[in-house]
Amino acid sequence: MLDQSLKIISVVRPKIHTDSRGRLFEVLRGSVLTSRAFGQIYVFTAYPGQVKGNHVHSRKWEYFLAVRGKGVLSVLDLRSGRRESLDLDADVPLVVGVPPNVAHAFRNNGPEDLVIVAYISEEFDASDPDTTAAPVLEDPT
């Protein structure tokens, strides 16, 4: 289900299947990816009160899912100047897609670590990182 209230990023609330053993939901399907080439999956943590990200990619899509903790994702479309923010909570899963040229940053607003699982459409290449600093949120450090 796509949340049409946000115009810069895509937000999908996955259907959660629950039974006595636990729960299951789909995170990402190949049909929604912009490329059939596999990129890279990674995990990052933001400690309470900290900001991560504050950068932009000119050609890469990224998809994010909070798997622990609470926080906020803030984005800035560098073409239009439009800003959006979205609350993230691991207990209410959302898969968020951030397109190229949209700067993004995460702030951990909760009392525990914010843990994010992410997919990016290209593998990281140190000789061509396609990552440029772009302040979206003030970094407390």
Protein backbone atom coordinates (compact mmCIF):
# COMPACT_ATOMS: atom_id res chain seq x y z
CA MET A 1 0.00 0.00 0.00
CA LEU A 2 1.54 3.32 -1.08
CA ASP A 3 1.06 6.39 1.07
CA GLN A 4 0.24 9.15 -1.42
CA SER A 5 0.58 11.95 1.16
CA LEU A 6 4.36 12.05 0.63
CA LYS A 7 5.47 13.21 -2.79
CA ILE A 8 9.28 12.97 -2.68
CA ILE A 9 9.72 9.45 -1.32
CA SER A 10 7.74 6.24 -1.66
CA VAL A 11 6.31 4.68 1.48
CA VAL A 12 4.93 1.16 1.58
CA ARG A 13 3.19 -0.27 4.64
CA PRO A 14 3.69 -4.02 4.17
CA LYS A 15 0.94 -6.49 4.97
CA ILE A 16 1.91 -8.30 8.17
CA HIS A 17 1.08 -11.98 8.51
CA THR A 18 0.89 -13.01 12.17
CA ASP A 19 0.33 -16.35 13.85
CA SER A 20 1.25 -18.00 17.16
CA ARG A 21 4.90 -18.35 16.06
CA GLY A 22 5.51 -14.70 15.16
CA ARG A 23 5.07 -12.45 12.16
CA LEU A 24 6.23 -12.17 8.56
CA PHE A 25 6.14 -9.34 6.05
CA GLU A 26 7.77 -8.68 2.70
CA VAL A 27 10.37 -5.94 2.60
CA LEU A 28 11.25 -5.52 -1.06
CA ARG A 29 10.32 -7.22 -4.33
CA GLY A 30 12.33 -7.14 -7.53
CA SER A 31 9.32 -5.72 -9.36
CA VAL A 32 9.66 -2.38 -7.53
CA LEU A 33 13.37 -1.94 -8.18
CA THR A 34 14.52 0.48 -10.85
CA SER A 35 17.21 -1.91 -12.07
CA ARG A 36 17.42 -5.68 -12.37
CA ALA A 37 21.09 -5.60 -11.34
CA PHE A 38 21.49 -6.33 -7.64
CA GLY A 39 23.01 -3.57 -5.56
CA GLN A 40 23.86 -4.03 -1.90
CA ILE A 41 22.10 -4.67 1.42
CA TYR A 42 23.57 -3.17 4.58
CA VAL A 43 22.62 -2.39 8.18
CA PHE A 44 23.36 0.74 10.18
CA THR A 45 22.74 1.91 13.72
CA ALA A 46 22.07 5.39 15.08
CA TYR A 47 22.54 5.81 18.82
CA PRO A 48 19.92 7.72 20.83
CA GLY A 49 19.87 11.41 19.89
CA GLN A 50 22.29 10.95 16.99
CA VAL A 51 21.94 11.80 13.29
CA LYS A 52 23.11 9.58 10.41
CA GLY A 53 23.16 10.28 6.70
CA ASN A 54 23.02 13.93 5.66
CA HIS A 55 23.99 13.03 2.12
CA VAL A 56 22.61 12.60 -1.37
CA HIS A 57 23.17 10.24 -4.32
CA SER A 58 22.90 11.42 -7.92
CA ARG A 59 22.00 8.03 -9.42
CA LYS A 60 21.27 5.55 -6.61
CA TRP A 61 17.92 4.58 -5.09
CA GLU A 62 17.88 3.55 -1.43
CA TYR A 63 15.22 1.67 0.51
CA PHE A 64 15.08 1.69 4.31
CA LEU A 65 13.30 -0.33 7.00
CA ALA A 66 13.60 0.28 10.76
CA VAL A 67 13.98 -3.08 12.49
CA ARG A 68 14.65 -1.73 15.98
CA GLY A 69 13.91 1.55 17.71
CA LYS A 70 12.24 4.79 16.68
CA GLY A 71 13.38 7.79 14.72
CA VAL A 72 12.65 10.21 11.94
CA LEU A 73 13.73 10.22 8.30
CA SER A 74 14.01 13.72 6.85
CA VAL A 75 14.48 14.32 3.14
CA LEU A 76 15.19 17.33 0.94
CA ASP A 77 14.56 17.27 -2.81
CA LEU A 78 17.53 19.22 -4.15
CA ARG A 79 15.69 20.07 -7.39
CA SER A 80 12.55 21.57 -5.87
CA GLY A 81 13.71 22.48 -2.35
CA ARG A 82 10.76 20.57 -0.89
CA ARG A 83 11.25 18.92 2.52
CA GLU A 84 9.43 15.98 4.09
CA SER A 85 9.79 14.01 7.31
CA LEU A 86 8.49 10.59 8.25
CA ASP A 87 8.38 8.97 11.68
CA LEU A 88 9.90 5.50 11.77
CA ASP A 89 9.03 2.83 14.33
CA ALA A 90 10.20 -0.77 14.14
CA ASP A 91 6.87 -1.87 15.63
CA VAL A 92 5.01 -0.31 12.66
CA PRO A 93 7.04 -1.39 9.62
CA LEU A 94 7.39 0.97 6.67
CA VAL A 95 9.59 0.43 3.64
CA VAL A 96 10.74 3.84 2.45
CA GLY A 97 12.26 4.43 -1.00
CA VAL A 98 14.45 7.48 -1.54
CA PRO A 99 15.19 8.35 -5.18
CA PRO A 100 18.32 9.98 -6.59
CA ASN A 101 18.83 13.70 -5.91
CA VAL A 102 16.91 13.54 -2.63
CA ALA A 103 19.15 14.24 0.35
CA HIS A 104 18.30 12.20 3.42
CA ALA A 105 19.14 11.89 7.10
CA PHE A 106 17.94 9.89 10.09
CA ARG A 107 17.60 11.05 13.69
CA ASN A 108 17.17 8.58 16.51
CA ASN A 109 14.41 10.03 18.70
CA GLY A 110 14.07 7.00 20.93
CA PRO A 111 15.78 5.66 24.04
CA GLU A 112 17.38 2.65 22.30
CA ASP A 113 19.50 2.19 19.20
CA LEU A 114 17.74 2.81 15.89
CA VAL A 115 18.66 -0.07 13.58
CA ILE A 116 17.96 0.27 9.86
CA VAL A 117 18.21 -2.40 7.16
CA ALA A 118 18.87 -0.76 3.81
CA TYR A 119 19.09 -1.71 0.15
CA ILE A 120 20.95 0.53 -2.31
CA SER A 121 20.71 0.06 -6.07
CA GLU A 122 24.49 -0.07 -6.66
CA GLU A 123 27.35 -1.65 -4.76
CA PHE A 124 29.58 0.83 -2.99
CA ASP A 125 32.67 1.70 -5.05
CA ALA A 126 35.22 3.85 -3.22
CA SER A 127 36.53 5.19 -6.55
CA ASP A 128 33.00 6.34 -7.54
CA PRO A 129 30.96 6.60 -4.32
CA ASP A 130 28.08 8.74 -5.65
CA THR A 131 27.67 10.13 -2.13
CA THR A 132 27.83 13.87 -1.50
CA ALA A 133 27.36 15.62 1.84
CA ALA A 134 24.04 17.45 2.00
CA PRO A 135 22.87 18.73 5.39
CA VAL A 136 19.24 17.87 6.01
CA LEU A 137 19.25 17.57 9.81
CA GLU A 138 21.51 19.35 12.27
CA ASP A 139 24.05 16.91 13.62
CA PRO A 140 24.37 17.16 17.43
CA THR A 141 28.04 16.05 17.43
